[in-house]
Amino acid sequence: QVQLVESGGGLVQAGGSLRLSCAASGSIFRIYDMGWYRQAPGKQRELVARISSDGRTDYADSVKGRFTISRDNAKNTVSLQMNSLKPEDTAVYYCTANVGTDIFRRTNYWGQGTQVTVSS
């Protein structure tokens, strides 16, 4: 079993910054893609950013230039630096990781979510 634990959410004023972190632990053979999704009230969960094991990144258009995703493969962590936050960034943010528990099996895991609230 694999666990993802997020930290770093909170309340911030528009224009401010927050940094989210996520640590993976458990029966990990290898971690492939890692990423962050978010879900606002009444909306579908959407991709915010993702990063491959070799560092290639992909961002939602709405966060390009404001958010930066990074990972530490040695520590099995992924982070999301969020700058110039807007009220529309308010959502529950979820960490996700595609984890190989052996050379044959790969499974997507999700964190429990962390609330980010941006006040205007």
N, C-alpha and C. Protein backbone atom coordinates (compact mmCIF):
# COMPACT_ATOMS: atom_id res chain seq x y z
N GLN A 1 0.84 -1.19 0.00
CA GLN A 1 0.00 0.00 0.00
C GLN A 1 0.88 1.24 0.00
N VAL A 2 0.35 2.29 -0.62
CA VAL A 2 1.08 3.56 -0.73
C VAL A 2 0.21 4.67 -0.16
N GLN A 3 0.83 5.57 0.57
CA GLN A 3 0.12 6.72 1.13
C GLN A 3 0.73 8.01 0.58
N LEU A 4 -0.15 8.96 0.28
CA LEU A 4 0.27 10.30 -0.11
C LEU A 4 -0.26 11.27 0.95
N VAL A 5 0.62 12.05 1.54
CA VAL A 5 0.23 13.00 2.57
C VAL A 5 0.60 14.40 2.12
N GLU A 6 -0.43 15.26 2.04
CA GLU A 6 -0.24 16.63 1.59
C GLU A 6 -0.13 17.57 2.78
N SER A 7 0.50 18.70 2.53
CA SER A 7 0.57 19.76 3.53
C SER A 7 0.73 21.09 2.82
N GLY A 8 0.42 22.17 3.55
CA GLY A 8 0.71 23.49 3.03
C GLY A 8 -0.48 24.31 2.60
N GLY A 9 -1.68 23.77 2.66
CA GLY A 9 -2.85 24.56 2.28
C GLY A 9 -3.14 25.63 3.32
N GLY A 10 -4.13 26.47 3.01
CA GLY A 10 -4.51 27.51 3.96
C GLY A 10 -5.25 28.64 3.31
N LEU A 11 -5.34 29.73 4.06
CA LEU A 11 -6.04 30.94 3.61
C LEU A 11 -5.00 32.00 3.28
N VAL A 12 -5.17 32.63 2.12
CA VAL A 12 -4.23 33.67 1.70
C VAL A 12 -5.01 34.74 0.93
N GLN A 13 -4.51 35.94 0.96
CA GLN A 13 -5.14 37.02 0.20
C GLN A 13 -4.74 36.94 -1.27
N ALA A 14 -5.59 37.48 -2.11
CA ALA A 14 -5.28 37.53 -3.54
C ALA A 14 -3.94 38.21 -3.76
N GLY A 15 -3.15 37.62 -4.65
CA GLY A 15 -1.80 38.12 -4.90
C GLY A 15 -0.74 37.45 -4.07
N GLY A 16 -1.16 36.69 -3.07
CA GLY A 16 -0.22 36.03 -2.19
C GLY A 16 0.28 34.71 -2.76
N SER A 17 1.05 34.00 -1.92
CA SER A 17 1.67 32.75 -2.33
C SER A 17 1.43 31.66 -1.29
N LEU A 18 1.42 30.44 -1.77
CA LEU A 18 1.39 29.26 -0.92
C LEU A 18 2.22 28.18 -1.58
N ARG A 19 2.75 27.29 -0.75
CA ARG A 19 3.49 26.15 -1.27
C ARG A 19 2.87 24.87 -0.72
N LEU A 20 2.45 24.01 -1.62
CA LEU A 20 1.92 22.70 -1.25
C LEU A 20 3.00 21.64 -1.39
N SER A 21 2.99 20.70 -0.47
CA SER A 21 3.93 19.59 -0.54
C SER A 21 3.18 18.28 -0.37
N CYS A 22 3.75 17.23 -0.93
CA CYS A 22 3.14 15.91 -0.86
C CYS A 22 4.25 14.87 -0.76
N ALA A 23 4.13 14.00 0.22
CA ALA A 23 5.13 12.96 0.43
C ALA A 23 4.49 11.59 0.24
N ALA A 24 5.14 10.77 -0.54
CA ALA A 24 4.67 9.40 -0.78
C ALA A 24 5.47 8.44 0.08
N SER A 25 4.76 7.46 0.64
CA SER A 25 5.43 6.45 1.45
C SER A 25 4.72 5.11 1.28
N GLY A 26 5.43 4.05 1.67
CA GLY A 26 4.83 2.72 1.58
C GLY A 26 5.62 1.81 0.66
N SER A 27 4.92 0.89 0.02
CA SER A 27 5.55 -0.12 -0.83
C SER A 27 5.79 0.45 -2.23
N ILE A 28 6.86 1.22 -2.35
CA ILE A 28 7.17 1.91 -3.59
C ILE A 28 8.38 1.29 -4.27
N PHE A 29 8.15 0.82 -5.49
CA PHE A 29 9.26 0.35 -6.31
C PHE A 29 9.81 1.51 -7.14
N ARG A 30 8.87 2.25 -7.75
CA ARG A 30 9.25 3.41 -8.56
C ARG A 30 8.04 4.31 -8.68
N ILE A 31 8.26 5.64 -8.69
CA ILE A 31 7.18 6.59 -8.92
C ILE A 31 7.34 7.19 -10.30
N TYR A 32 6.31 7.12 -11.09
CA TYR A 32 6.32 7.67 -12.44
C TYR A 32 5.81 9.11 -12.36
N ASP A 33 4.75 9.44 -13.07
CA ASP A 33 4.24 10.81 -13.01
C ASP A 33 3.71 11.15 -11.63
N MET A 34 3.91 12.41 -11.24
CA MET A 34 3.29 12.96 -10.03
C MET A 34 2.58 14.25 -10.44
N GLY A 35 1.58 14.63 -9.67
CA GLY A 35 0.86 15.83 -10.08
C GLY A 35 -0.07 16.35 -9.02
N TRP A 36 -0.71 17.45 -9.40
CA TRP A 36 -1.69 18.10 -8.54
C TRP A 36 -2.97 18.35 -9.34
N TYR A 37 -4.09 18.01 -8.74
CA TYR A 37 -5.40 18.32 -9.27
C TYR A 37 -6.10 19.22 -8.25
N ARG A 38 -7.17 19.85 -8.69
CA ARG A 38 -7.97 20.63 -7.74
C ARG A 38 -9.45 20.49 -8.09
N GLN A 39 -10.25 20.69 -7.06
CA GLN A 39 -11.70 20.63 -7.25
C GLN A 39 -12.35 21.74 -6.45
N ALA A 40 -13.01 22.64 -7.16
CA ALA A 40 -13.76 23.72 -6.53
C ALA A 40 -15.19 23.27 -6.31
N PRO A 41 -15.91 23.88 -5.38
CA PRO A 41 -17.30 23.49 -5.12
C PRO A 41 -18.14 23.56 -6.39
N GLY A 42 -18.86 22.48 -6.66
CA GLY A 42 -19.74 22.43 -7.82
C GLY A 42 -19.05 22.24 -9.15
N LYS A 43 -17.75 22.01 -9.12
CA LYS A 43 -17.00 21.82 -10.36
C LYS A 43 -16.31 20.47 -10.39
N GLN A 44 -15.93 20.06 -11.58
CA GLN A 44 -15.21 18.80 -11.71
C GLN A 44 -13.75 18.97 -11.30
N ARG A 45 -13.16 17.86 -10.90
CA ARG A 45 -11.74 17.89 -10.57
C ARG A 45 -10.95 18.13 -11.86
N GLU A 46 -9.95 19.01 -11.77
CA GLU A 46 -9.17 19.36 -12.95
C GLU A 46 -7.67 19.27 -12.66
N LEU A 47 -6.93 18.98 -13.72
CA LEU A 47 -5.48 18.94 -13.60
C LEU A 47 -4.94 20.35 -13.42
N VAL A 48 -4.03 20.50 -12.47
CA VAL A 48 -3.34 21.77 -12.27
C VAL A 48 -1.94 21.70 -12.90
N ALA A 49 -1.20 20.67 -12.52
CA ALA A 49 0.16 20.50 -13.04
C ALA A 49 0.60 19.07 -12.81
N ARG A 50 1.52 18.60 -13.64
CA ARG A 50 2.07 17.27 -13.46
C ARG A 50 3.53 17.30 -13.88
N ILE A 51 4.27 16.32 -13.37
CA ILE A 51 5.69 16.25 -13.66
C ILE A 51 6.09 14.79 -13.80
N SER A 52 6.86 14.50 -14.83
CA SER A 52 7.30 13.13 -15.06
C SER A 52 8.52 12.83 -14.19
N SER A 53 8.91 11.57 -14.19
CA SER A 53 10.04 11.17 -13.37
C SER A 53 11.34 11.83 -13.83
N ASP A 54 11.40 12.24 -15.11
CA ASP A 54 12.60 12.91 -15.61
C ASP A 54 12.44 14.42 -15.67
N GLY A 55 11.40 14.94 -15.04
CA GLY A 55 11.27 16.38 -14.85
C GLY A 55 10.48 17.14 -15.89
N ARG A 56 9.88 16.47 -16.84
CA ARG A 56 9.03 17.18 -17.81
C ARG A 56 7.75 17.61 -17.14
N THR A 57 7.33 18.85 -17.41
CA THR A 57 6.18 19.42 -16.72
C THR A 57 5.06 19.79 -17.70
N ASP A 58 3.87 19.86 -17.15
CA ASP A 58 2.69 20.21 -17.91
C ASP A 58 1.77 20.99 -16.98
N TYR A 59 1.22 22.11 -17.45
CA TYR A 59 0.40 22.97 -16.61
C TYR A 59 -0.94 23.28 -17.28
N ALA A 60 -1.95 23.47 -16.45
CA ALA A 60 -3.20 24.01 -16.95
C ALA A 60 -2.95 25.45 -17.42
N ASP A 61 -3.65 25.85 -18.47
CA ASP A 61 -3.45 27.21 -18.98
C ASP A 61 -3.70 28.27 -17.90
N SER A 62 -4.64 28.00 -17.03
CA SER A 62 -5.04 28.98 -16.02
C SER A 62 -3.96 29.25 -14.98
N VAL A 63 -2.96 28.38 -14.89
CA VAL A 63 -1.93 28.57 -13.86
C VAL A 63 -0.54 28.80 -14.44
N LYS A 64 -0.41 28.72 -15.74
CA LYS A 64 0.90 28.89 -16.37
C LYS A 64 1.48 30.25 -16.02
N GLY A 65 2.74 30.26 -15.64
CA GLY A 65 3.41 31.49 -15.27
C GLY A 65 3.23 31.88 -13.82
N ARG A 66 2.31 31.21 -13.12
CA ARG A 66 2.07 31.53 -11.71
C ARG A 66 2.44 30.37 -10.79
N PHE A 67 2.23 29.14 -11.25
CA PHE A 67 2.49 27.96 -10.44
C PHE A 67 3.72 27.23 -10.99
N THR A 68 4.46 26.60 -10.09
CA THR A 68 5.61 25.79 -10.48
C THR A 68 5.58 24.47 -9.73
N ILE A 69 5.64 23.38 -10.48
CA ILE A 69 5.67 22.05 -9.88
C ILE A 69 7.11 21.55 -9.87
N SER A 70 7.47 20.85 -8.81
CA SER A 70 8.81 20.28 -8.72
C SER A 70 8.72 18.97 -7.93
N ARG A 71 9.75 18.16 -8.02
CA ARG A 71 9.78 16.90 -7.28
C ARG A 71 11.18 16.57 -6.84
N ASP A 72 11.25 15.78 -5.80
CA ASP A 72 12.51 15.26 -5.29
C ASP A 72 12.40 13.74 -5.34
N ASN A 73 13.02 13.13 -6.32
CA ASN A 73 12.89 11.69 -6.50
C ASN A 73 13.52 10.92 -5.34
N ALA A 74 14.54 11.45 -4.75
CA ALA A 74 15.19 10.75 -3.64
C ALA A 74 14.28 10.70 -2.41
N LYS A 75 13.43 11.71 -2.26
CA LYS A 75 12.56 11.78 -1.07
C LYS A 75 11.11 11.40 -1.40
N ASN A 76 10.83 11.10 -2.66
CA ASN A 76 9.46 10.75 -3.08
C ASN A 76 8.47 11.86 -2.75
N THR A 77 8.87 13.08 -3.05
CA THR A 77 8.00 14.22 -2.77
C THR A 77 7.73 15.02 -4.04
N VAL A 78 6.61 15.71 -4.04
CA VAL A 78 6.26 16.64 -5.10
C VAL A 78 5.72 17.90 -4.44
N SER A 79 6.07 19.05 -5.01
CA SER A 79 5.64 20.32 -4.45
C SER A 79 5.00 21.18 -5.53
N LEU A 80 4.18 22.12 -5.07
CA LEU A 80 3.54 23.07 -5.99
C LEU A 80 3.69 24.46 -5.38
N GLN A 81 4.50 25.28 -5.99
CA GLN A 81 4.65 26.66 -5.57
C GLN A 81 3.62 27.49 -6.31
N MET A 82 2.76 28.15 -5.56
CA MET A 82 1.66 28.91 -6.14
C MET A 82 1.86 30.39 -5.82
N ASN A 83 2.07 31.18 -6.84
CA ASN A 83 2.27 32.63 -6.69
C ASN A 83 1.13 33.38 -7.37
N SER A 84 1.01 34.65 -7.03
CA SER A 84 -0.02 35.50 -7.63
C SER A 84 -1.38 34.83 -7.58
N LEU A 85 -1.73 34.33 -6.43
CA LEU A 85 -2.97 33.58 -6.29
C LEU A 85 -4.19 34.46 -6.52
N LYS A 86 -5.21 33.86 -7.09
CA LYS A 86 -6.46 34.54 -7.42
C LYS A 86 -7.61 33.84 -6.68
N PRO A 87 -8.71 34.55 -6.44
CA PRO A 87 -9.86 33.89 -5.79
C PRO A 87 -10.33 32.65 -6.54
N GLU A 88 -10.20 32.63 -7.84
CA GLU A 88 -10.62 31.46 -8.61
C GLU A 88 -9.70 30.26 -8.44
N ASP A 89 -8.60 30.42 -7.74
CA ASP A 89 -7.74 29.28 -7.40
C ASP A 89 -8.24 28.54 -6.16
N THR A 90 -9.26 29.08 -5.52
CA THR A 90 -9.82 28.45 -4.34
C THR A 90 -10.37 27.08 -4.68
N ALA A 91 -9.91 26.06 -3.97
CA ALA A 91 -10.31 24.69 -4.25
C ALA A 91 -9.65 23.76 -3.23
N VAL A 92 -10.07 22.52 -3.27
CA VAL A 92 -9.32 21.47 -2.57
C VAL A 92 -8.30 20.93 -3.57
N TYR A 93 -7.05 20.91 -3.16
CA TYR A 93 -5.96 20.46 -4.01
C TYR A 93 -5.56 19.04 -3.62
N TYR A 94 -5.44 18.18 -4.62
CA TYR A 94 -5.12 16.77 -4.41
C TYR A 94 -3.80 16.43 -5.09
N CYS A 95 -2.97 15.76 -4.35
CA CYS A 95 -1.73 15.21 -4.89
C CYS A 95 -2.04 13.84 -5.51
N THR A 96 -1.38 13.53 -6.59
CA THR A 96 -1.54 12.22 -7.20
C THR A 96 -0.18 11.70 -7.65
N ALA A 97 -0.05 10.38 -7.64
CA ALA A 97 1.19 9.76 -8.07
C ALA A 97 0.89 8.43 -8.74
N ASN A 98 1.56 8.19 -9.83
CA ASN A 98 1.47 6.90 -10.51
C ASN A 98 2.65 6.06 -10.02
N VAL A 99 2.33 5.02 -9.24
CA VAL A 99 3.36 4.29 -8.51
C VAL A 99 3.44 2.85 -8.96
N GLY A 100 4.66 2.44 -9.21
CA GLY A 100 4.90 1.03 -9.45
C GLY A 100 5.28 0.37 -8.13
N THR A 101 4.51 -0.63 -7.72
CA THR A 101 4.84 -1.33 -6.47
C THR A 101 5.74 -2.54 -6.74
N ASP A 102 5.86 -2.92 -7.97
CA ASP A 102 6.87 -3.87 -8.44
C ASP A 102 7.04 -3.62 -9.94
N ILE A 103 7.79 -4.46 -10.64
CA ILE A 103 8.06 -4.17 -12.05
C ILE A 103 6.85 -4.44 -12.94
N PHE A 104 5.82 -5.05 -12.38
CA PHE A 104 4.65 -5.39 -13.19
C PHE A 104 3.45 -4.48 -12.96
N ARG A 105 3.31 -3.94 -11.76
CA ARG A 105 2.08 -3.25 -11.39
C ARG A 105 2.30 -1.76 -11.19
N ARG A 106 1.39 -0.98 -11.76
CA ARG A 106 1.37 0.46 -11.58
C ARG A 106 -0.03 0.88 -11.19
N THR A 107 -0.14 1.74 -10.21
CA THR A 107 -1.44 2.18 -9.68
C THR A 107 -1.39 3.68 -9.43
N ASN A 108 -2.51 4.35 -9.71
CA ASN A 108 -2.64 5.77 -9.36
C ASN A 108 -3.12 5.90 -7.92
N TYR A 109 -2.42 6.71 -7.16
CA TYR A 109 -2.80 6.99 -5.78
C TYR A 109 -3.11 8.47 -5.62
N TRP A 110 -3.97 8.74 -4.65
CA TRP A 110 -4.40 10.11 -4.38
C TRP A 110 -4.19 10.45 -2.91
N GLY A 111 -3.88 11.70 -2.67
CA GLY A 111 -3.85 12.19 -1.30
C GLY A 111 -5.24 12.52 -0.82
N GLN A 112 -5.33 12.95 0.44
CA GLN A 112 -6.63 13.22 1.04
C GLN A 112 -7.16 14.60 0.67
N GLY A 113 -6.32 15.46 0.13
CA GLY A 113 -6.72 16.80 -0.26
C GLY A 113 -6.38 17.83 0.79
N THR A 114 -6.05 19.01 0.32
CA THR A 114 -5.77 20.13 1.22
C THR A 114 -6.48 21.38 0.68
N GLN A 115 -7.12 22.11 1.58
CA GLN A 115 -7.92 23.25 1.17
C GLN A 115 -7.04 24.48 0.93
N VAL A 116 -7.25 25.12 -0.21
CA VAL A 116 -6.63 26.41 -0.50
C VAL A 116 -7.75 27.42 -0.70
N THR A 117 -7.73 28.47 0.08
CA THR A 117 -8.75 29.51 -0.03
C THR A 117 -8.05 30.86 -0.27
N VAL A 118 -8.45 31.52 -1.35
CA VAL A 118 -7.87 32.82 -1.70
C VAL A 118 -8.96 33.88 -1.56
N SER A 119 -8.74 34.81 -0.67
CA SER A 119 -9.73 35.87 -0.44
C SER A 119 -9.43 37.08 -1.32
N SER A 120 -10.50 37.75 -1.70
CA SER A 120 -10.33 38.92 -2.59
C SER A 120 -10.15 40.21 -1.80
